[in-house]
Amino acid sequence: VQLVESGGGLVQPGGSLRLSCVASGFTFSRYGMSWYRQAPGKERELVANINSAGGSTNYADFVKGRFTISRDNAKNTMYLQMNNLKPEDTAVYYCKAWAFGSWGQGTQVTVSS
């Protein structure tokens, strides 16, 4: 199982970013996926989930209405569209398949003016 996150960067408050997670080593279309994040000095927390087909999603309260999780099973890729970013969204963002314990290297998102 290999997961490679990308798309992070530095953005001003109110800005947007789109994260990607490319998966390999397993049949991507069969497994639900999640985005997590970890801010400095804090525990890793769940951001959003998506089922294998992409038809069911759920979000942590702190991102509802601002973030959208999606996936393209033909490309073995999951996305996280992040809008109206806030400084408290600053963290390393990770993707994970529900059935496996592997983590990618993460992608840094920094929201600052």
N, C-alpha and C. Protein backbone atom coordinates (compact mmCIF):
# COMPACT_ATOMS: atom_id res chain seq x y z
N VAL A 1 0.84 -1.19 0.00
CA VAL A 1 0.00 0.00 0.00
C VAL A 1 0.88 1.25 0.00
N GLN A 2 0.64 2.11 -0.98
CA GLN A 2 1.38 3.37 -1.03
C GLN A 2 0.40 4.51 -1.25
N LEU A 3 0.56 5.56 -0.48
CA LEU A 3 -0.30 6.73 -0.56
C LEU A 3 0.59 7.95 -0.68
N VAL A 4 0.34 8.77 -1.68
CA VAL A 4 1.17 9.96 -1.91
C VAL A 4 0.27 11.18 -1.97
N GLU A 5 0.41 12.03 -0.96
CA GLU A 5 -0.38 13.26 -0.89
C GLU A 5 0.38 14.41 -1.55
N SER A 6 -0.36 15.33 -2.12
CA SER A 6 0.23 16.52 -2.72
C SER A 6 -0.80 17.64 -2.75
N GLY A 7 -0.33 18.84 -3.10
CA GLY A 7 -1.23 19.96 -3.27
C GLY A 7 -1.22 20.97 -2.15
N GLY A 8 -0.49 20.69 -1.09
CA GLY A 8 -0.42 21.64 0.01
C GLY A 8 0.38 22.88 -0.36
N GLY A 9 0.39 23.84 0.56
CA GLY A 9 1.14 25.06 0.34
C GLY A 9 0.76 26.14 1.32
N LEU A 10 1.22 27.34 1.04
CA LEU A 10 0.91 28.50 1.85
C LEU A 10 -0.20 29.29 1.19
N VAL A 11 -1.24 29.59 1.95
CA VAL A 11 -2.38 30.31 1.40
C VAL A 11 -2.87 31.31 2.44
N GLN A 12 -3.43 32.40 1.98
CA GLN A 12 -3.97 33.40 2.89
C GLN A 12 -5.33 32.98 3.43
N PRO A 13 -5.71 33.47 4.59
CA PRO A 13 -7.06 33.18 5.11
C PRO A 13 -8.12 33.54 4.07
N GLY A 14 -9.09 32.64 3.94
CA GLY A 14 -10.13 32.81 2.94
C GLY A 14 -9.80 32.18 1.60
N GLY A 15 -8.59 31.72 1.45
CA GLY A 15 -8.16 31.11 0.19
C GLY A 15 -8.56 29.66 0.06
N SER A 16 -8.14 29.05 -1.05
CA SER A 16 -8.51 27.66 -1.36
C SER A 16 -7.28 26.86 -1.76
N LEU A 17 -7.37 25.57 -1.51
CA LEU A 17 -6.38 24.60 -1.98
C LEU A 17 -7.11 23.32 -2.33
N ARG A 18 -6.51 22.55 -3.23
CA ARG A 18 -7.04 21.22 -3.56
C ARG A 18 -5.94 20.20 -3.33
N LEU A 19 -6.17 19.31 -2.39
CA LEU A 19 -5.21 18.25 -2.11
C LEU A 19 -5.55 17.02 -2.92
N SER A 20 -4.52 16.25 -3.27
CA SER A 20 -4.68 14.98 -3.98
C SER A 20 -3.99 13.87 -3.21
N CYS A 21 -4.52 12.68 -3.34
CA CYS A 21 -3.92 11.49 -2.75
C CYS A 21 -3.94 10.39 -3.81
N VAL A 22 -2.77 10.03 -4.30
CA VAL A 22 -2.67 8.96 -5.29
C VAL A 22 -2.34 7.66 -4.58
N ALA A 23 -3.14 6.65 -4.83
CA ALA A 23 -3.00 5.36 -4.15
C ALA A 23 -2.48 4.29 -5.09
N SER A 24 -1.71 3.36 -4.55
CA SER A 24 -1.24 2.22 -5.33
C SER A 24 -1.01 1.05 -4.38
N GLY A 25 -0.92 -0.15 -4.96
CA GLY A 25 -0.64 -1.33 -4.16
C GLY A 25 -1.88 -2.04 -3.64
N PHE A 26 -3.05 -1.53 -3.96
CA PHE A 26 -4.29 -2.18 -3.58
C PHE A 26 -5.36 -1.74 -4.58
N THR A 27 -6.49 -2.43 -4.54
CA THR A 27 -7.58 -2.10 -5.46
C THR A 27 -8.35 -0.92 -4.89
N PHE A 28 -7.97 0.25 -5.32
CA PHE A 28 -8.47 1.51 -4.75
C PHE A 28 -9.99 1.57 -4.72
N SER A 29 -10.62 1.12 -5.79
CA SER A 29 -12.07 1.28 -5.91
C SER A 29 -12.86 0.44 -4.93
N ARG A 30 -12.22 -0.46 -4.21
CA ARG A 30 -12.91 -1.33 -3.28
C ARG A 30 -12.94 -0.80 -1.85
N TYR A 31 -12.21 0.28 -1.59
CA TYR A 31 -12.03 0.70 -0.21
C TYR A 31 -12.44 2.14 0.06
N GLY A 32 -13.09 2.34 1.20
CA GLY A 32 -13.32 3.69 1.66
C GLY A 32 -12.01 4.35 2.04
N MET A 33 -12.03 5.67 1.99
CA MET A 33 -10.82 6.45 2.24
C MET A 33 -11.15 7.61 3.16
N SER A 34 -10.11 8.15 3.77
CA SER A 34 -10.27 9.29 4.68
C SER A 34 -9.14 10.27 4.52
N TRP A 35 -9.44 11.51 4.87
CA TRP A 35 -8.41 12.53 5.07
C TRP A 35 -8.31 12.80 6.57
N TYR A 36 -7.08 12.91 7.04
CA TYR A 36 -6.79 13.28 8.41
C TYR A 36 -5.87 14.50 8.38
N ARG A 37 -5.72 15.13 9.54
CA ARG A 37 -4.73 16.21 9.63
C ARG A 37 -4.12 16.21 11.03
N GLN A 38 -2.91 16.75 11.10
CA GLN A 38 -2.23 16.85 12.38
C GLN A 38 -1.53 18.21 12.46
N ALA A 39 -1.97 19.00 13.41
CA ALA A 39 -1.36 20.30 13.65
C ALA A 39 -0.22 20.15 14.65
N PRO A 40 0.72 21.07 14.65
CA PRO A 40 1.85 20.98 15.59
C PRO A 40 1.38 20.87 17.04
N GLY A 41 1.89 19.87 17.74
CA GLY A 41 1.55 19.70 19.14
C GLY A 41 0.20 19.10 19.41
N LYS A 42 -0.50 18.70 18.36
CA LYS A 42 -1.84 18.12 18.53
C LYS A 42 -1.89 16.72 17.96
N GLU A 43 -2.91 15.99 18.36
CA GLU A 43 -3.11 14.64 17.84
C GLU A 43 -3.68 14.69 16.42
N ARG A 44 -3.43 13.64 15.68
CA ARG A 44 -4.01 13.52 14.35
C ARG A 44 -5.52 13.40 14.48
N GLU A 45 -6.25 14.11 13.62
CA GLU A 45 -7.71 14.10 13.70
C GLU A 45 -8.33 13.83 12.34
N LEU A 46 -9.50 13.21 12.37
CA LEU A 46 -10.23 12.88 11.15
C LEU A 46 -10.86 14.15 10.58
N VAL A 47 -10.70 14.32 9.27
CA VAL A 47 -11.28 15.46 8.57
C VAL A 47 -12.53 15.05 7.79
N ALA A 48 -12.41 13.99 7.00
CA ALA A 48 -13.53 13.58 6.14
C ALA A 48 -13.36 12.14 5.70
N ASN A 49 -14.50 11.49 5.42
CA ASN A 49 -14.53 10.12 4.92
C ASN A 49 -15.28 10.08 3.59
N ILE A 50 -14.94 9.08 2.78
CA ILE A 50 -15.69 8.82 1.56
C ILE A 50 -15.72 7.31 1.35
N ASN A 51 -16.88 6.78 0.94
CA ASN A 51 -16.97 5.33 0.75
C ASN A 51 -16.33 4.94 -0.58
N SER A 52 -16.32 3.65 -0.85
CA SER A 52 -15.57 3.15 -2.00
C SER A 52 -16.08 3.69 -3.34
N ALA A 53 -17.39 3.85 -3.45
CA ALA A 53 -17.96 4.33 -4.71
C ALA A 53 -17.99 5.85 -4.81
N GLY A 54 -17.79 6.51 -3.68
CA GLY A 54 -17.82 7.96 -3.67
C GLY A 54 -19.19 8.57 -3.41
N GLY A 55 -20.17 7.71 -3.19
CA GLY A 55 -21.52 8.22 -3.04
C GLY A 55 -21.90 8.63 -1.63
N SER A 56 -21.06 8.32 -0.67
CA SER A 56 -21.34 8.65 0.72
C SER A 56 -20.13 9.33 1.34
N THR A 57 -20.37 10.49 1.92
CA THR A 57 -19.28 11.25 2.53
C THR A 57 -19.73 11.77 3.90
N ASN A 58 -18.79 12.03 4.74
CA ASN A 58 -19.09 12.75 5.98
C ASN A 58 -17.88 13.54 6.42
N TYR A 59 -18.15 14.55 7.25
CA TYR A 59 -17.13 15.54 7.57
C TYR A 59 -17.10 15.84 9.07
N ALA A 60 -15.94 16.20 9.54
CA ALA A 60 -15.82 16.75 10.88
C ALA A 60 -16.54 18.09 10.92
N ASP A 61 -17.11 18.41 12.06
CA ASP A 61 -17.87 19.65 12.17
C ASP A 61 -17.04 20.88 11.81
N PHE A 62 -15.76 20.83 12.10
CA PHE A 62 -14.95 22.03 11.90
C PHE A 62 -14.64 22.31 10.43
N VAL A 63 -15.00 21.41 9.51
CA VAL A 63 -14.79 21.67 8.08
C VAL A 63 -16.08 21.63 7.27
N LYS A 64 -17.19 21.30 7.90
CA LYS A 64 -18.46 21.22 7.18
C LYS A 64 -18.78 22.53 6.48
N GLY A 65 -19.17 22.39 5.22
CA GLY A 65 -19.52 23.58 4.44
C GLY A 65 -18.34 24.27 3.79
N ARG A 66 -17.12 23.86 4.15
CA ARG A 66 -15.93 24.48 3.57
C ARG A 66 -15.09 23.50 2.75
N PHE A 67 -15.04 22.25 3.18
CA PHE A 67 -14.23 21.23 2.52
C PHE A 67 -15.13 20.24 1.79
N THR A 68 -14.63 19.69 0.68
CA THR A 68 -15.35 18.67 -0.06
C THR A 68 -14.39 17.53 -0.41
N ILE A 69 -14.76 16.32 0.01
CA ILE A 69 -13.97 15.14 -0.33
C ILE A 69 -14.57 14.49 -1.56
N SER A 70 -13.71 13.98 -2.43
CA SER A 70 -14.18 13.30 -3.64
C SER A 70 -13.12 12.30 -4.08
N ARG A 71 -13.46 11.48 -5.06
CA ARG A 71 -12.51 10.50 -5.56
C ARG A 71 -12.77 10.21 -7.01
N ASP A 72 -11.72 9.77 -7.71
CA ASP A 72 -11.81 9.33 -9.09
C ASP A 72 -11.20 7.93 -9.13
N ASN A 73 -12.04 6.92 -9.11
CA ASN A 73 -11.54 5.55 -9.03
C ASN A 73 -10.76 5.15 -10.29
N ALA A 74 -11.05 5.77 -11.41
CA ALA A 74 -10.31 5.47 -12.63
C ALA A 74 -8.87 5.95 -12.55
N LYS A 75 -8.64 6.94 -11.70
CA LYS A 75 -7.29 7.50 -11.54
C LYS A 75 -6.65 7.10 -10.22
N ASN A 76 -7.32 6.24 -9.45
CA ASN A 76 -6.80 5.84 -8.13
C ASN A 76 -6.44 7.06 -7.28
N THR A 77 -7.28 8.06 -7.33
CA THR A 77 -6.98 9.32 -6.68
C THR A 77 -8.17 9.83 -5.87
N MET A 78 -7.84 10.35 -4.70
CA MET A 78 -8.82 11.01 -3.84
C MET A 78 -8.43 12.48 -3.71
N TYR A 79 -9.43 13.32 -3.52
CA TYR A 79 -9.20 14.76 -3.45
C TYR A 79 -9.81 15.36 -2.18
N LEU A 80 -9.29 16.50 -1.80
CA LEU A 80 -9.91 17.31 -0.76
C LEU A 80 -9.87 18.76 -1.22
N GLN A 81 -11.04 19.27 -1.61
CA GLN A 81 -11.15 20.67 -1.98
C GLN A 81 -11.40 21.47 -0.71
N MET A 82 -10.52 22.41 -0.44
CA MET A 82 -10.60 23.20 0.79
C MET A 82 -10.82 24.66 0.44
N ASN A 83 -11.96 25.18 0.85
CA ASN A 83 -12.31 26.57 0.59
C ASN A 83 -12.43 27.33 1.91
N ASN A 84 -12.37 28.65 1.81
CA ASN A 84 -12.50 29.52 2.98
C ASN A 84 -11.58 29.05 4.11
N LEU A 85 -10.33 28.85 3.76
CA LEU A 85 -9.37 28.33 4.74
C LEU A 85 -9.12 29.31 5.88
N LYS A 86 -8.91 28.76 7.05
CA LYS A 86 -8.69 29.53 8.26
C LYS A 86 -7.30 29.19 8.83
N PRO A 87 -6.71 30.07 9.62
CA PRO A 87 -5.41 29.76 10.21
C PRO A 87 -5.42 28.45 11.00
N GLU A 88 -6.54 28.13 11.62
CA GLU A 88 -6.61 26.89 12.40
C GLU A 88 -6.65 25.64 11.53
N ASP A 89 -6.74 25.80 10.22
CA ASP A 89 -6.64 24.66 9.31
C ASP A 89 -5.18 24.28 9.03
N THR A 90 -4.25 25.08 9.51
CA THR A 90 -2.83 24.78 9.33
C THR A 90 -2.47 23.44 9.96
N ALA A 91 -1.93 22.56 9.15
CA ALA A 91 -1.62 21.19 9.60
C ALA A 91 -0.96 20.44 8.45
N VAL A 92 -0.45 19.26 8.79
CA VAL A 92 -0.07 18.29 7.76
C VAL A 92 -1.28 17.42 7.49
N TYR A 93 -1.63 17.28 6.23
CA TYR A 93 -2.81 16.52 5.84
C TYR A 93 -2.38 15.17 5.27
N TYR A 94 -3.07 14.12 5.73
CA TYR A 94 -2.74 12.75 5.34
C TYR A 94 -3.99 12.06 4.79
N CYS A 95 -3.77 11.12 3.89
CA CYS A 95 -4.86 10.26 3.45
C CYS A 95 -4.63 8.84 3.96
N LYS A 96 -5.72 8.10 4.05
CA LYS A 96 -5.65 6.74 4.58
C LYS A 96 -6.79 5.92 4.03
N ALA A 97 -6.49 4.67 3.70
CA ALA A 97 -7.54 3.72 3.33
C ALA A 97 -8.08 3.09 4.59
N TRP A 98 -9.39 2.89 4.64
CA TRP A 98 -10.02 2.38 5.87
C TRP A 98 -9.44 1.03 6.30
N ALA A 99 -9.13 0.19 5.33
CA ALA A 99 -8.78 -1.20 5.66
C ALA A 99 -7.30 -1.40 5.99
N PHE A 100 -6.49 -0.36 5.78
CA PHE A 100 -5.05 -0.54 5.94
C PHE A 100 -4.49 0.47 6.93
N GLY A 101 -3.38 0.11 7.54
CA GLY A 101 -2.76 0.99 8.53
C GLY A 101 -1.72 1.93 7.98
N SER A 102 -1.48 1.91 6.68
CA SER A 102 -0.41 2.71 6.10
C SER A 102 -0.80 4.18 5.99
N TRP A 103 0.19 5.03 6.16
CA TRP A 103 0.04 6.47 5.99
C TRP A 103 1.02 6.95 4.93
N GLY A 104 0.65 7.99 4.22
CA GLY A 104 1.58 8.64 3.32
C GLY A 104 2.48 9.58 4.10
N GLN A 105 3.25 10.37 3.35
CA GLN A 105 4.16 11.31 4.00
C GLN A 105 3.46 12.61 4.41
N GLY A 106 2.28 12.81 3.89
CA GLY A 106 1.51 14.01 4.22
C GLY A 106 1.89 15.20 3.35
N THR A 107 1.03 16.20 3.36
CA THR A 107 1.29 17.44 2.64
C THR A 107 0.96 18.61 3.57
N GLN A 108 1.88 19.56 3.65
CA GLN A 108 1.74 20.67 4.59
C GLN A 108 0.81 21.73 4.03
N VAL A 109 -0.15 22.13 4.84
CA VAL A 109 -1.03 23.25 4.52
C VAL A 109 -0.81 24.33 5.58
N THR A 110 -0.46 25.51 5.14
CA THR A 110 -0.24 26.63 6.04
C THR A 110 -1.14 27.78 5.62
N VAL A 111 -1.97 28.23 6.55
CA VAL A 111 -2.89 29.33 6.29
C VAL A 111 -2.45 30.53 7.12
N SER A 112 -1.95 31.53 6.44
CA SER A 112 -1.38 32.66 7.15
C SER A 112 -1.36 33.89 6.24
N SER A 113 -1.54 35.05 6.84
CA SER A 113 -1.44 36.29 6.08
C SER A 113 -0.02 36.85 6.16
